[in-house]
PDB file of N, CA and C in Angstrom:
ATOM      1  N   MET A   1       0.821  -1.203   0.000  1.00  0.00           N
ATOM      2  CA  MET A   1       0.000   0.000   0.000  1.00  0.00           C
ATOM      3  C   MET A   1       0.866   1.269   0.000  1.00  0.00           C
ATOM      4  N   GLN A   2       1.976   1.211   0.734  1.00  0.00           N
ATOM      5  CA  GLN A   2       2.886   2.348   0.818  1.00  0.00           C
ATOM      6  C   GLN A   2       3.469   2.687  -0.554  1.00  0.00           C
ATOM      7  N   ASN A   3       3.819   1.643  -1.328  1.00  0.00           N
ATOM      8  CA  ASN A   3       4.387   1.860  -2.660  1.00  0.00           C
ATOM      9  C   ASN A   3       3.389   2.540  -3.587  1.00  0.00           C
ATOM     10  N   LYS A   4       2.137   2.185  -3.463  1.00  0.00           N
ATOM     11  CA  LYS A   4       1.107   2.775  -4.309  1.00  0.00           C
ATOM     12  C   LYS A   4       0.967   4.270  -4.019  1.00  0.00           C
ATOM     13  N   LYS A   5       1.006   4.621  -2.751  1.00  0.00           N
ATOM     14  CA  LYS A   5       0.905   6.027  -2.362  1.00  0.00           C
ATOM     15  C   LYS A   5       2.121   6.812  -2.879  1.00  0.00           C
ATOM     16  N   MET A   6       3.295   6.210  -2.770  1.00  0.00           N
ATOM     17  CA  MET A   6       4.511   6.865  -3.241  1.00  0.00           C
ATOM     18  C   MET A   6       4.460   7.057  -4.754  1.00  0.00           C
ATOM     19  N   LEU A   7       3.967   6.062  -5.471  1.00  0.00           N
ATOM     20  CA  LEU A   7       3.849   6.155  -6.919  1.00  0.00           C
ATOM     21  C   LEU A   7       2.886   7.280  -7.301  1.00  0.00           C
ATOM     22  N   GLN A   8       1.778   7.395  -6.574  1.00  0.00           N
ATOM     23  CA  GLN A   8       0.819   8.468  -6.845  1.00  0.00           C
ATOM     24  C   GLN A   8       1.459   9.836  -6.614  1.00  0.00           C
ATOM     25  N   GLN A   9       2.240   9.956  -5.548  1.00  0.00           N
ATOM     26  CA  GLN A   9       2.909  11.219  -5.263  1.00  0.00           C
ATOM     27  C   GLN A   9       3.907  11.570  -6.369  1.00  0.00           C
ATOM     28  N   LEU A  10       4.635  10.568  -6.851  1.00  0.00           N
ATOM     29  CA  LEU A  10       5.583  10.803  -7.938  1.00  0.00           C
ATOM     30  C   LEU A  10       4.875  11.242  -9.215  1.00  0.00           C
ATOM     31  N   GLN A  11       3.745  10.620  -9.506  1.00  0.00           N
ATOM     32  CA  GLN A  11       2.988  10.993 -10.697  1.00  0.00           C
ATOM     33  C   GLN A  11       2.460  12.420 -10.577  1.00  0.00           C
ATOM     34  N   GLN A  12       2.004  12.791  -9.372  1.00  0.00           N
ATOM     35  CA  GLN A  12       1.520  14.152  -9.162  1.00  0.00           C
ATOM     36  C   GLN A  12       2.670  15.149  -9.344  1.00  0.00           C
ATOM     37  N   MET A  13       3.842  14.799  -8.828  1.00  0.00           N
ATOM     38  CA  MET A  13       4.987  15.689  -8.960  1.00  0.00           C
ATOM     39  C   MET A  13       5.389  15.828 -10.427  1.00  0.00           C
ATOM     40  N   GLN A  14       5.356  14.738 -11.173  1.00  0.00           N
ATOM     41  CA  GLN A  14       5.677  14.808 -12.600  1.00  0.00           C
ATOM     42  C   GLN A  14       4.716  15.744 -13.322  1.00  0.00           C
ATOM     43  N   ALA A  15       3.437  15.660 -12.984  1.00  0.00           N
ATOM     44  CA  ALA A  15       2.443  16.524 -13.616  1.00  0.00           C
ATOM     45  C   ALA A  15       2.696  17.988 -13.255  1.00  0.00           C
ATOM     46  N   ARG A  16       3.018  18.243 -11.990  1.00  0.00           N
ATOM     47  CA  ARG A  16       3.306  19.623 -11.565  1.00  0.00           C
ATOM     48  C   ARG A  16       4.581  20.138 -12.229  1.00  0.00           C
ATOM     49  N   MET A  17       5.566  19.264 -12.383  1.00  0.00           N
ATOM     50  CA  MET A  17       6.823  19.650 -13.018  1.00  0.00           C
ATOM     51  C   MET A  17       6.577  20.009 -14.487  1.00  0.00           C
ATOM     52  N   ALA A  18       5.766  19.228 -15.181  1.00  0.00           N
ATOM     53  CA  ALA A  18       5.451  19.515 -16.587  1.00  0.00           C
ATOM     54  C   ALA A  18       4.734  20.861 -16.699  1.00  0.00           C
ATOM     55  N   LYS A  19       3.809  21.116 -15.770  1.00  0.00           N
ATOM     56  CA  LYS A  19       3.086  22.387 -15.782  1.00  0.00           C
ATOM     57  C   LYS A  19       4.051  23.541 -15.519  1.00  0.00           C
ATOM     58  N   MET A  20       4.975  23.347 -14.569  1.00  0.00           N
ATOM     59  CA  MET A  20       5.947  24.376 -14.257  1.00  0.00           C
ATOM     60  C   MET A  20       6.823  24.673 -15.473  1.00  0.00           C
ATOM     61  N   GLN A  21       7.246  23.641 -16.194  1.00  0.00           N
ATOM     62  CA  GLN A  21       8.073  23.835 -17.383  1.00  0.00           C
ATOM     63  C   GLN A  21       7.324  24.657 -18.434  1.00  0.00           C
ATOM     64  N   GLU A  22       6.032  24.385 -18.594  1.00  0.00           N
ATOM     65  CA  GLU A  22       5.218  25.159 -19.532  1.00  0.00           C
ATOM     66  C   GLU A  22       5.129  26.620 -19.102  1.00  0.00           C
ATOM     67  N   GLU A  23       4.920  26.829 -17.795  1.00  0.00           N
ATOM     68  CA  GLU A  23       4.822  28.187 -17.282  1.00  0.00           C
ATOM     69  C   GLU A  23       6.144  28.938 -17.474  1.00  0.00           C
ATOM     70  N   LEU A  24       7.262  28.267 -17.229  1.00  0.00           N
ATOM     71  CA  LEU A  24       8.562  28.909 -17.416  1.00  0.00           C
ATOM     72  C   LEU A  24       8.816  29.229 -18.885  1.00  0.00           C
ATOM     73  N   ASP A  25       8.320  28.392 -19.769  1.00  0.00           N
ATOM     74  CA  ASP A  25       8.492  28.630 -21.193  1.00  0.00           C
ATOM     75  C   ASP A  25       7.729  29.881 -21.630  1.00  0.00           C
ATOM     76  N   GLU A  26       6.608  30.141 -20.974  1.00  0.00           N
ATOM     77  CA  GLU A  26       5.771  31.291 -21.335  1.00  0.00           C
ATOM     78  C   GLU A  26       6.166  32.563 -20.589  1.00  0.00           C
ATOM     79  N   ALA A  27       6.772  32.425 -19.424  1.00  0.00           N
ATOM     80  CA  ALA A  27       7.140  33.589 -18.616  1.00  0.00           C
ATOM     81  C   ALA A  27       8.339  34.294 -19.241  1.00  0.00           C
ATOM     82  N   THR A  28       8.356  35.618 -19.154  1.00  0.00           N
ATOM     83  CA  THR A  28       9.502  36.378 -19.653  1.00  0.00           C
ATOM     84  C   THR A  28       9.966  37.368 -18.594  1.00  0.00           C
ATOM     85  N   VAL A  29      11.247  37.646 -18.625  1.00  0.00           N
ATOM     86  CA  VAL A  29      11.855  38.672 -17.780  1.00  0.00           C
ATOM     87  C   VAL A  29      12.774  39.501 -18.672  1.00  0.00           C
ATOM     88  N   THR A  30      13.005  40.743 -18.263  1.00  0.00           N
ATOM     89  CA  THR A  30      13.824  41.641 -19.073  1.00  0.00           C
ATOM     90  C   THR A  30      14.980  42.177 -18.249  1.00  0.00           C
ATOM     91  N   GLY A  31      16.152  42.120 -18.837  1.00  0.00           N
ATOM     92  CA  GLY A  31      17.341  42.715 -18.246  1.00  0.00           C
ATOM     93  C   GLY A  31      17.723  43.939 -19.049  1.00  0.00           C
ATOM     94  N   THR A  32      18.277  44.929 -18.362  1.00  0.00           N
ATOM     95  CA  THR A  32      18.649  46.166 -19.053  1.00  0.00           C
ATOM     96  C   THR A  32      20.067  46.590 -18.678  1.00  0.00           C
ATOM     97  N   ALA A  33      20.600  47.471 -19.499  1.00  0.00           N
ATOM     98  CA  ALA A  33      21.914  48.062 -19.236  1.00  0.00           C
ATOM     99  C   ALA A  33      21.947  49.441 -19.882  1.00  0.00           C
ATOM    100  N   GLY A  34      22.884  50.245 -19.439  1.00  0.00           N
ATOM    101  CA  GLY A  34      23.029  51.585 -20.018  1.00  0.00           C
ATOM    102  C   GLY A  34      21.816  52.455 -19.772  1.00  0.00           C
ATOM    103  N   GLY A  35      21.217  52.311 -18.579  1.00  0.00           N
ATOM    104  CA  GLY A  35      20.038  53.121 -18.258  1.00  0.00           C
ATOM    105  C   GLY A  35      18.851  52.809 -19.148  1.00  0.00           C
ATOM    106  N   GLY A  36      18.767  51.587 -19.621  1.00  0.00           N
ATOM    107  CA  GLY A  36      17.661  51.178 -20.482  1.00  0.00           C
ATOM    108  C   GLY A  36      17.967  51.296 -21.961  1.00  0.00           C
ATOM    109  N   ALA A  37      19.182  51.700 -22.299  1.00  0.00           N
ATOM    110  CA  ALA A  37      19.550  51.827 -23.707  1.00  0.00           C
ATOM    111  C   ALA A  37      19.561  50.475 -24.407  1.00  0.00           C
ATOM    112  N   VAL A  38      19.863  49.425 -23.639  1.00  0.00           N
ATOM    113  CA  VAL A  38      19.844  48.065 -24.168  1.00  0.00           C
ATOM    114  C   VAL A  38      18.971  47.229 -23.260  1.00  0.00           C
ATOM    115  N   SER A  39      18.040  46.491 -23.849  1.00  0.00           N
ATOM    116  CA  SER A  39      17.221  45.575 -23.059  1.00  0.00           C
ATOM    117  C   SER A  39      17.151  44.226 -23.755  1.00  0.00           C
ATOM    118  N   VAL A  40      17.175  43.187 -22.938  1.00  0.00           N
ATOM    119  CA  VAL A  40      17.143  41.820 -23.438  1.00  0.00           C
ATOM    120  C   VAL A  40      16.037  41.089 -22.683  1.00  0.00           C
ATOM    121  N   THR A  41      15.172  40.427 -23.423  1.00  0.00           N
ATOM    122  CA  THR A  41      14.092  39.653 -22.826  1.00  0.00           C
ATOM    123  C   THR A  41      14.370  38.176 -23.018  1.00  0.00           C
ATOM    124  N   VAL A  42      14.286  37.424 -21.935  1.00  0.00           N
ATOM    125  CA  VAL A  42      14.467  35.973 -21.987  1.00  0.00           C
ATOM    126  C   VAL A  42      13.262  35.311 -21.337  1.00  0.00           C
ATOM    127  N   ASN A  43      13.051  34.041 -21.685  1.00  0.00           N
ATOM    128  CA  ASN A  43      11.963  33.314 -21.034  1.00  0.00           C
ATOM    129  C   ASN A  43      12.517  32.548 -19.831  1.00  0.00           C
ATOM    130  N   GLY A  44      11.650  31.843 -19.139  1.00  0.00           N
ATOM    131  CA  GLY A  44      12.041  31.095 -17.956  1.00  0.00           C
ATOM    132  C   GLY A  44      12.942  29.913 -18.247  1.00  0.00           C
ATOM    133  N   GLN A  45      13.121  29.586 -19.514  1.00  0.00           N
ATOM    134  CA  GLN A  45      14.014  28.500 -19.926  1.00  0.00           C
ATOM    135  C   GLN A  45      15.384  29.049 -20.338  1.00  0.00           C
ATOM    136  N   GLN A  46      15.627  30.322 -20.044  1.00  0.00           N
ATOM    137  CA  GLN A  46      16.873  31.015 -20.372  1.00  0.00           C
ATOM    138  C   GLN A  46      17.132  31.116 -21.881  1.00  0.00           C
ATOM    139  N   LYS A  47      16.074  31.242 -22.653  1.00  0.00           N
ATOM    140  CA  LYS A  47      16.212  31.469 -24.096  1.00  0.00           C
ATOM    141  C   LYS A  47      15.949  32.940 -24.380  1.00  0.00           C
ATOM    142  N   VAL A  48      16.858  33.564 -25.127  1.00  0.00           N
ATOM    143  CA  VAL A  48      16.701  34.972 -25.475  1.00  0.00           C
ATOM    144  C   VAL A  48      15.547  35.105 -26.463  1.00  0.00           C
ATOM    145  N   MET A  49      14.589  35.953 -26.101  1.00  0.00           N
ATOM    146  CA  MET A  49      13.411  36.149 -26.937  1.00  0.00           C
ATOM    147  C   MET A  49      13.525  37.423 -27.787  1.00  0.00           C
ATOM    148  N   SER A  50      14.178  38.458 -27.224  1.00  0.00           N
ATOM    149  CA  SER A  50      14.339  39.690 -27.994  1.00  0.00           C
ATOM    150  C   SER A  50      15.474  40.531 -27.421  1.00  0.00           C
ATOM    151  N   VAL A  51      16.030  41.359 -28.282  1.00  0.00           N
ATOM    152  CA  VAL A  51      17.064  42.322 -27.910  1.00  0.00           C
ATOM    153  C   VAL A  51      16.628  43.661 -28.482  1.00  0.00           C
ATOM    154  N   SER A  52      16.670  44.681 -27.647  1.00  0.00           N
ATOM    155  CA  SER A  52      16.295  46.024 -28.091  1.00  0.00           C
ATOM    156  C   SER A  52      17.442  46.979 -27.783  1.00  0.00           C
ATOM    157  N   ILE A  53      17.832  47.761 -28.792  1.00  0.00           N
ATOM    158  CA  ILE A  53      18.912  48.730 -28.637  1.00  0.00           C
ATOM    159  C   ILE A  53      18.390  50.096 -29.080  1.00  0.00           C
ATOM    160  N   GLU A  54      18.463  51.056 -28.170  1.00  0.00           N
ATOM    161  CA  GLU A  54      18.042  52.414 -28.498  1.00  0.00           C
ATOM    162  C   GLU A  54      19.034  53.005 -29.509  1.00  0.00           C
ATOM    163  N   PRO A  55      18.560  53.792 -30.455  1.00  0.00           N
ATOM    164  CA  PRO A  55      19.450  54.380 -31.471  1.00  0.00           C
ATOM    165  C   PRO A  55      20.630  55.153 -30.877  1.00  0.00           C
ATOM    166  N   ASP A  56      20.417  55.835 -29.764  1.00  0.00           N
ATOM    167  CA  ASP A  56      21.502  56.604 -29.148  1.00  0.00           C
ATOM    168  C   ASP A  56      22.660  55.698 -28.717  1.00  0.00           C
ATOM    169  N   ALA A  57      22.357  54.454 -28.368  1.00  0.00           N
ATOM    170  CA  ALA A  57      23.405  53.531 -27.912  1.00  0.00           C
ATOM    171  C   ALA A  57      24.363  53.175 -29.039  1.00  0.00           C
ATOM    172  N   LEU A  58      23.911  53.290 -30.265  1.00  0.00           N
ATOM    173  CA  LEU A  58      24.771  52.971 -31.408  1.00  0.00           C
ATOM    174  C   LEU A  58      25.915  53.967 -31.554  1.00  0.00           C
ATOM    175  N   GLU A  59      25.711  55.161 -31.027  1.00  0.00           N
ATOM    176  CA  GLU A  59      26.726  56.206 -31.132  1.00  0.00           C
ATOM    177  C   GLU A  59      27.840  56.036 -30.103  1.00  0.00           C
ATOM    178  N   GLU A  60      27.670  55.099 -29.169  1.00  0.00           N
ATOM    179  CA  GLU A  60      28.644  54.903 -28.088  1.00  0.00           C
ATOM    180  C   GLU A  60      29.874  54.118 -28.536  1.00  0.00           C
ATOM    181  N   GLY A  61      29.811  53.524 -29.697  1.00  0.00           N
ATOM    182  CA  GLY A  61      30.939  52.726 -30.181  1.00  0.00           C
ATOM    183  C   GLY A  61      30.691  51.248 -29.946  1.00  0.00           C
ATOM    184  N   ALA A  62      31.332  50.448 -30.769  1.00  0.00           N
ATOM    185  CA  ALA A  62      31.086  48.999 -30.755  1.00  0.00           C
ATOM    186  C   ALA A  62      31.454  48.349 -29.426  1.00  0.00           C
ATOM    187  N   GLU A  63      32.574  48.746 -28.841  1.00  0.00           N
ATOM    188  CA  GLU A  63      33.032  48.101 -27.601  1.00  0.00           C
ATOM    189  C   GLU A  63      32.067  48.362 -26.446  1.00  0.00           C
ATOM    190  N   LEU A  64      31.646  49.603 -26.279  1.00  0.00           N
ATOM    191  CA  LEU A  64      30.715  49.936 -25.206  1.00  0.00           C
ATOM    192  C   LEU A  64      29.356  49.288 -25.461  1.00  0.00           C
ATOM    193  N   LEU A  65      28.912  49.278 -26.709  1.00  0.00           N
ATOM    194  CA  LEU A  65      27.642  48.645 -27.045  1.00  0.00           C
ATOM    195  C   LEU A  65      27.693  47.154 -26.724  1.00  0.00           C
ATOM    196  N   ALA A  66      28.789  46.497 -27.072  1.00  0.00           N
ATOM    197  CA  ALA A  66      28.939  45.073 -26.764  1.00  0.00           C
ATOM    198  C   ALA A  66      28.895  44.841 -25.254  1.00  0.00           C
ATOM    199  N   ASP A  67      29.538  45.712 -24.486  1.00  0.00           N
ATOM    200  CA  ASP A  67      29.514  45.599 -23.029  1.00  0.00           C
ATOM    201  C   ASP A  67      28.086  45.748 -22.486  1.00  0.00           C
ATOM    202  N   MET A  68      27.333  46.688 -23.058  1.00  0.00           N
ATOM    203  CA  MET A  68      25.952  46.891 -22.602  1.00  0.00           C
ATOM    204  C   MET A  68      25.074  45.693 -22.949  1.00  0.00           C
ATOM    205  N   VAL A  69      25.254  45.137 -24.145  1.00  0.00           N
ATOM    206  CA  VAL A  69      24.479  43.952 -24.528  1.00  0.00           C
ATOM    207  C   VAL A  69      24.812  42.796 -23.587  1.00  0.00           C
ATOM    208  N   LEU A  70      26.085  42.601 -23.315  1.00  0.00           N
ATOM    209  CA  LEU A  70      26.506  41.531 -22.407  1.00  0.00           C
ATOM    210  C   LEU A  70      25.920  41.729 -21.016  1.00  0.00           C
ATOM    211  N   ALA A  71      25.957  42.944 -20.513  1.00  0.00           N
ATOM    212  CA  ALA A  71      25.406  43.230 -19.184  1.00  0.00           C
ATOM    213  C   ALA A  71      23.900  42.993 -19.154  1.00  0.00           C
ATOM    214  N   ALA A  72      23.195  43.384 -20.203  1.00  0.00           N
ATOM    215  CA  ALA A  72      21.748  43.191 -20.253  1.00  0.00           C
ATOM    216  C   ALA A  72      21.393  41.708 -20.334  1.00  0.00           C
ATOM    217  N   VAL A  73      22.154  40.943 -21.107  1.00  0.00           N
ATOM    218  CA  VAL A  73      21.924  39.492 -21.198  1.00  0.00           C
ATOM    219  C   VAL A  73      22.149  38.844 -19.837  1.00  0.00           C
ATOM    220  N   ASN A  74      23.242  39.199 -19.182  1.00  0.00           N
ATOM    221  CA  ASN A  74      23.528  38.622 -17.867  1.00  0.00           C
ATOM    222  C   ASN A  74      22.452  38.988 -16.853  1.00  0.00           C
ATOM    223  N   ASP A  75      21.977  40.217 -16.886  1.00  0.00           N
ATOM    224  CA  ASP A  75      20.910  40.660 -15.991  1.00  0.00           C
ATOM    225  C   ASP A  75      19.637  39.848 -16.237  1.00  0.00           C
ATOM    226  N   ALA A  76      19.278  39.685 -17.494  1.00  0.00           N
ATOM    227  CA  ALA A  76      18.073  38.918 -17.833  1.00  0.00           C
ATOM    228  C   ALA A  76      18.212  37.452 -17.428  1.00  0.00           C
ATOM    229  N   MET A  77      19.380  36.863 -17.665  1.00  0.00           N
ATOM    230  CA  MET A  77      19.597  35.461 -17.299  1.00  0.00           C
ATOM    231  C   MET A  77      19.518  35.265 -15.785  1.00  0.00           C
ATOM    232  N   ASP A  78      20.092  36.210 -15.028  1.00  0.00           N
ATOM    233  CA  ASP A  78      20.000  36.127 -13.566  1.00  0.00           C
ATOM    234  C   ASP A  78      18.545  36.154 -13.114  1.00  0.00           C
ATOM    235  N   LYS A  79      17.766  37.062 -13.690  1.00  0.00           N
ATOM    236  CA  LYS A  79      16.347  37.157 -13.333  1.00  0.00           C
ATOM    237  C   LYS A  79      15.608  35.879 -13.716  1.00  0.00           C
ATOM    238  N   SER A  80      15.947  35.306 -14.860  1.00  0.00           N
ATOM    239  CA  SER A  80      15.301  34.078 -15.307  1.00  0.00           C
ATOM    240  C   SER A  80      15.625  32.919 -14.371  1.00  0.00           C
ATOM    241  N   ARG A  81      16.876  32.815 -13.943  1.00  0.00           N
ATOM    242  CA  ARG A  81      17.263  31.757 -13.004  1.00  0.00           C
ATOM    243  C   ARG A  81      16.550  31.935 -11.660  1.00  0.00           C
ATOM    244  N   GLU A  82      16.414  33.184 -11.212  1.00  0.00           N
ATOM    245  CA  GLU A  82      15.689  33.455  -9.967  1.00  0.00           C
ATOM    246  C   GLU A  82      14.232  33.011 -10.085  1.00  0.00           C
ATOM    247  N   LEU A  83      13.625  33.308 -11.217  1.00  0.00           N
ATOM    248  CA  LEU A  83      12.238  32.904 -11.455  1.00  0.00           C
ATOM    249  C   LEU A  83      12.109  31.385 -11.418  1.00  0.00           C
ATOM    250  N   ALA A  84      13.015  30.693 -12.093  1.00  0.00           N
ATOM    251  CA  ALA A  84      12.979  29.228 -12.115  1.00  0.00           C
ATOM    252  C   ALA A  84      13.191  28.663 -10.709  1.00  0.00           C
ATOM    253  N   ALA A  85      14.091  29.258  -9.945  1.00  0.00           N
ATOM    254  CA  ALA A  85      14.341  28.779  -8.582  1.00  0.00           C
ATOM    255  C   ALA A  85      13.120  28.983  -7.698  1.00  0.00           C
ATOM    256  N   GLN A  86      12.435  30.110  -7.859  1.00  0.00           N
ATOM    257  CA  GLN A  86      11.212  30.352  -7.092  1.00  0.00           C
ATOM    258  C   GLN A  86      10.156  29.304  -7.425  1.00  0.00           C
ATOM    259  N   GLN A  87       9.990  29.037  -8.707  1.00  0.00           N
ATOM    260  CA  GLN A  87       8.994  28.057  -9.136  1.00  0.00           C
ATOM    261  C   GLN A  87       9.343  26.673  -8.593  1.00  0.00           C
ATOM    262  N   MET A  88      10.623  26.309  -8.667  1.00  0.00           N
ATOM    263  CA  MET A  88      11.054  25.005  -8.169  1.00  0.00           C
ATOM    264  C   MET A  88      10.835  24.920  -6.660  1.00  0.00           C
ATOM    265  N   GLY A  89      11.090  26.019  -5.962  1.00  0.00           N
ATOM    266  CA  GLY A  89      10.868  26.047  -4.516  1.00  0.00           C
ATOM    267  C   GLY A  89       9.418  25.812  -4.172  1.00  0.00           C
ATOM    268  N   GLN A  90       8.512  26.383  -4.943  1.00  0.00           N
ATOM    269  CA  GLN A  90       7.085  26.166  -4.721  1.00  0.00           C
ATOM    270  C   GLN A  90       6.710  24.716  -5.007  1.00  0.00           C
ATOM    271  N   LEU A  91       7.323  24.156  -6.023  1.00  0.00           N
ATOM    272  CA  LEU A  91       7.023  22.777  -6.411  1.00  0.00           C
ATOM    273  C   LEU A  91       7.456  21.796  -5.334  1.00  0.00           C
ATOM    274  N   THR A  92       8.627  22.016  -4.765  1.00  0.00           N
ATOM    275  CA  THR A  92       9.175  21.062  -3.811  1.00  0.00           C
ATOM    276  C   THR A  92       8.838  21.392  -2.358  1.00  0.00           C
ATOM    277  N   ALA A  93       8.152  22.491  -2.110  1.00  0.00           N
ATOM    278  CA  ALA A  93       7.877  22.928  -0.735  1.00  0.00           C
ATOM    279  C   ALA A  93       7.163  21.861   0.087  1.00  0.00           C
ATOM    280  N   GLY A  94       6.228  21.165  -0.506  1.00  0.00           N
ATOM    281  CA  GLY A  94       5.443  20.194   0.241  1.00  0.00           C
ATOM    282  C   GLY A  94       6.065  18.815   0.337  1.00  0.00           C
ATOM    283  N   LEU A  95       7.252  18.640  -0.197  1.00  0.00           N
ATOM    284  CA  LEU A  95       7.849  17.317  -0.225  1.00  0.00           C
ATOM    285  C   LEU A  95       8.693  16.994   1.004  1.00  0.00           C
ATOM    286  N   GLY A  96       9.057  18.016   1.783  1.00  0.00           N
ATOM    287  CA  GLY A  96       9.870  17.788   2.951  1.00  0.00           C
ATOM    288  C   GLY A  96      11.311  17.422   2.617  1.00  0.00           C
ATOM    289  N   LEU A  97      11.800  17.853   1.469  1.00  0.00           N
ATOM    290  CA  LEU A  97      13.166  17.575   1.058  1.00  0.00           C
ATOM    291  C   LEU A  97      14.107  18.621   1.642  1.00  0.00           C
ATOM    292  N   PRO A  98      15.355  18.264   1.881  1.00  0.00           N
ATOM    293  CA  PRO A  98      16.309  19.264   2.350  1.00  0.00           C
ATOM    294  C   PRO A  98      16.508  20.358   1.295  1.00  0.00           C
ATOM    295  N   PRO A  99      16.714  21.614   1.704  1.00  0.00           N
ATOM    296  CA  PRO A  99      16.929  22.692   0.744  1.00  0.00           C
ATOM    297  C   PRO A  99      18.120  22.406  -0.164  1.00  0.00           C
ATOM    298  N   GLY A 100      17.952  22.735  -1.447  1.00  0.00           N
ATOM    299  CA  GLY A 100      19.046  22.565  -2.405  1.00  0.00           C
ATOM    300  C   GLY A 100      19.176  21.165  -2.974  1.00  0.00           C
ATOM    301  N   LEU A 101      18.338  20.227  -2.555  1.00  0.00           N
ATOM    302  CA  LEU A 101      18.443  18.863  -3.061  1.00  0.00           C
ATOM    303  C   LEU A 101      18.066  18.784  -4.527  1.00  0.00           C
ATOM    304  N   LEU A 102      17.030  19.499  -4.935  1.00  0.00           N
ATOM    305  CA  LEU A 102      16.609  19.501  -6.338  1.00  0.00           C
ATOM    306  C   LEU A 102      16.970  20.803  -6.992  1.00  0.00           C
TER     307      LEU A 102
END
């Protein structure tokens, strides 16, 4: 009987995990740099969805523009990882697992 209950719990977790993956795929976060001159939007799966560069940023030169794009990508990726970690924390909250296990 215990095995059946455990199997049901695993199946429920798999279903919640699939739903979470779908939600992360649809969720977006935006990172910016240069006071908003460059913005990068990524989804919860850390895929870049769009890059926006204000025309004024083009006048800053290639090296500075590259630095701003890199900073905006890193900012967006950090936010995306935070979002995924929050979602995972909600998913595993009821399992009684030690923090950081999953």
